[in-house]
C-alpha atoms as a PDB file:
ATOM      1  CA  MET A   1     -20.466  -3.947   4.407  1.00  0.00           C
ATOM      2  CA  VAL A   2     -20.615  -2.646   0.872  1.00  0.00           C
ATOM      3  CA  GLU A   3     -23.782  -2.406  -1.170  1.00  0.00           C
ATOM      4  CA  GLU A   4     -24.512  -5.269  -3.548  1.00  0.00           C
ATOM      5  CA  HIS A   5     -24.399  -3.096  -6.691  1.00  0.00           C
ATOM      6  CA  VAL A   6     -20.992  -1.686  -5.677  1.00  0.00           C
ATOM      7  CA  GLN A   7     -19.655  -5.201  -5.010  1.00  0.00           C
ATOM      8  CA  ALA A   8     -20.913  -6.397  -8.411  1.00  0.00           C
ATOM      9  CA  LEU A   9     -19.426  -3.375 -10.194  1.00  0.00           C
ATOM     10  CA  ILE A  10     -16.018  -3.843  -8.586  1.00  0.00           C
ATOM     11  CA  GLU A  11     -15.979  -7.588  -9.314  1.00  0.00           C
ATOM     12  CA  ARG A  12     -16.890  -6.987 -12.942  1.00  0.00           C
ATOM     13  CA  VAL A  13     -14.104  -4.419 -13.472  1.00  0.00           C
ATOM     14  CA  VAL A  14     -11.453  -6.456 -11.613  1.00  0.00           C
ATOM     15  CA  LYS A  15     -12.242  -9.686 -13.471  1.00  0.00           C
ATOM     16  CA  ALA A  16     -12.317  -7.928 -16.839  1.00  0.00           C
ATOM     17  CA  GLU A  17      -8.989  -6.177 -16.279  1.00  0.00           C
ATOM     18  CA  LEU A  18      -7.106  -9.073 -14.623  1.00  0.00           C
ATOM     19  CA  GLN A  19      -8.213 -12.040 -16.697  1.00  0.00           C
ATOM     20  CA  SER A  20      -4.764 -13.621 -16.782  1.00  0.00           C
ATOM     21  CA  ALA A  21      -4.521 -13.614 -12.970  1.00  0.00           C
ATOM     22  CA  HIS A  22      -7.368 -16.134 -12.546  1.00  0.00           C
ATOM     23  CA  VAL A  23      -9.362 -14.068 -10.051  1.00  0.00           C
ATOM     24  CA  VAL A  24     -11.193 -16.434  -7.683  1.00  0.00           C
ATOM     25  CA  GLN A  25     -12.782 -13.916  -5.376  1.00  0.00           C
ATOM     26  CA  VAL A  26     -13.047 -10.185  -4.821  1.00  0.00           C
ATOM     27  CA  HIS A  27     -13.531  -9.226  -1.170  1.00  0.00           C
ATOM     28  CA  VAL A  28     -14.868  -5.671  -0.745  1.00  0.00           C
ATOM     29  CA  LYS A  29     -15.537  -3.622   2.381  1.00  0.00           C
ATOM     30  CA  ARG A  30     -15.766   0.020   3.316  1.00  0.00           C
ATOM     31  CA  GLY A  31     -13.192   1.533   5.632  1.00  0.00           C
ATOM     32  CA  GLU A  32     -11.046   4.553   6.388  1.00  0.00           C
ATOM     33  CA  ASP A  33      -7.485   5.347   5.439  1.00  0.00           C
ATOM     34  CA  PHE A  34      -4.861   6.653   7.884  1.00  0.00           C
ATOM     35  CA  ASP A  35      -6.175  10.199   7.461  1.00  0.00           C
ATOM     36  CA  GLY A  36      -9.765   9.216   8.249  1.00  0.00           C
ATOM     37  CA  GLU A  37     -10.904   9.469   4.637  1.00  0.00           C
ATOM     38  CA  ASP A  38     -13.504   6.970   3.426  1.00  0.00           C
ATOM     39  CA  VAL A  39     -12.115   4.235   1.167  1.00  0.00           C
ATOM     40  CA  ILE A  40     -13.240   0.994  -0.389  1.00  0.00           C
ATOM     41  CA  ARG A  41     -10.851  -1.829   0.562  1.00  0.00           C
ATOM     42  CA  ILE A  42     -10.612  -4.417  -2.183  1.00  0.00           C
ATOM     43  CA  THR A  43      -8.807  -7.719  -1.746  1.00  0.00           C
ATOM     44  CA  VAL A  44      -8.348  -9.597  -5.003  1.00  0.00           C
ATOM     45  CA  VAL A  45      -7.864 -13.320  -4.429  1.00  0.00           C
ATOM     46  CA  VAL A  46      -6.039 -15.034  -7.286  1.00  0.00           C
ATOM     47  CA  ASP A  47      -5.138 -18.566  -8.236  1.00  0.00           C
ATOM     48  CA  ALA A  48      -2.101 -17.859 -10.382  1.00  0.00           C
ATOM     49  CA  PRO A  49       1.588 -17.095  -9.883  1.00  0.00           C
ATOM     50  CA  ALA A  50       2.697 -13.467  -9.662  1.00  0.00           C
ATOM     51  CA  SER A  51       4.377 -13.863 -13.054  1.00  0.00           C
ATOM     52  CA  SER A  52       0.931 -14.073 -14.698  1.00  0.00           C
ATOM     53  CA  PHE A  53       0.120 -10.485 -13.688  1.00  0.00           C
ATOM     54  CA  ASP A  54       0.521  -7.794 -16.316  1.00  0.00           C
ATOM     55  CA  PRO A  55       2.114  -4.841 -14.449  1.00  0.00           C
ATOM     56  CA  ARG A  56       0.434  -2.357 -16.787  1.00  0.00           C
ATOM     57  CA  LYS A  57      -2.982  -3.805 -15.932  1.00  0.00           C
ATOM     58  CA  LEU A  58      -2.221  -3.671 -12.211  1.00  0.00           C
ATOM     59  CA  ALA A  59      -1.140  -0.044 -12.488  1.00  0.00           C
ATOM     60  CA  ALA A  60      -4.253   0.909 -14.446  1.00  0.00           C
ATOM     61  CA  LEU A  61      -6.762  -0.988 -12.282  1.00  0.00           C
ATOM     62  CA  ALA A  62      -7.309   1.768  -9.698  1.00  0.00           C
ATOM     63  CA  GLY A  63      -8.073   4.236 -12.488  1.00  0.00           C
ATOM     64  CA  HIS A  64     -10.550   1.871 -14.134  1.00  0.00           C
ATOM     65  CA  LEU A  65     -12.209   1.275 -10.776  1.00  0.00           C
ATOM     66  CA  ARG A  66     -12.382   5.003  -9.967  1.00  0.00           C
ATOM     67  CA  ASP A  67     -13.990   5.730 -13.339  1.00  0.00           C
ATOM     68  CA  ALA A  68     -16.581   2.968 -12.940  1.00  0.00           C
ATOM     69  CA  LEU A  69     -17.314   3.930  -9.337  1.00  0.00           C
ATOM     70  CA  ALA A  70     -17.675   7.619 -10.255  1.00  0.00           C
ATOM     71  CA  ASP A  71     -20.157   6.679 -12.990  1.00  0.00           C
ATOM     72  CA  ALA A  72     -22.169   4.968 -10.220  1.00  0.00           C
ATOM     73  CA  ALA A  73     -21.887   8.077  -7.967  1.00  0.00           C
ATOM     74  CA  GLU A  74     -19.371   6.361  -5.646  1.00  0.00           C
ATOM     75  CA  PHE A  75     -16.378   8.558  -4.862  1.00  0.00           C
ATOM     76  CA  ASP A  76     -14.501   6.661  -2.118  1.00  0.00           C
ATOM     77  CA  PHE A  77     -10.971   5.758  -3.196  1.00  0.00           C
ATOM     78  CA  PRO A  78     -10.411   2.060  -4.044  1.00  0.00           C
ATOM     79  CA  MET A  79      -7.485   0.576  -2.062  1.00  0.00           C
ATOM     80  CA  ILE A  80      -6.450  -2.691  -3.704  1.00  0.00           C
ATOM     81  CA  SER A  81      -4.468  -5.587  -2.277  1.00  0.00           C
ATOM     82  CA  TYR A  82      -3.746  -9.021  -3.717  1.00  0.00           C
ATOM     83  CA  MET A  83      -3.558 -12.454  -2.075  1.00  0.00           C
ATOM     84  CA  ASN A  84      -3.419 -16.013  -3.211  1.00  0.00           C
ATOM     85  CA  ARG A  85      -6.168 -18.337  -2.035  1.00  0.00           C
ATOM     86  CA  ARG A  86      -4.105 -19.855   0.792  1.00  0.00           C
ATOM     87  CA  GLU A  87      -3.189 -16.437   2.213  1.00  0.00           C
ATOM     88  CA  PHE A  88      -6.800 -15.288   2.041  1.00  0.00           C
ATOM     89  CA  ASP A  89      -8.059 -18.396   3.845  1.00  0.00           C
ATOM     90  CA  ARG A  90      -5.474 -17.884   6.599  1.00  0.00           C
ATOM     91  CA  VAL A  91      -6.266 -14.185   7.100  1.00  0.00           C
ATOM     92  CA  PHE A  92     -10.051 -14.252   6.694  1.00  0.00           C
ATOM     93  CA  ALA A  93     -10.875 -17.688   8.148  1.00  0.00           C
END
């Protein structure tokens, strides 16, 4: 489980950067990558077609998250994935 202030920070950055994607939920949990390094796994649940995503915003999101997390003394790398609401309900139900 991730701390409440980290969850709120990540949600705020994701929603601000991906406004056109109609973010419905941001699921956040701590984990490890394949090398055993600590990461923050972020699943962004959207209610919009893929065509509504701005590729430049998607590419820049990890950087914005890393900057905000570093300002909060959080240095785990943010790993971001995207799902629509139906996919999320199927996987996390």
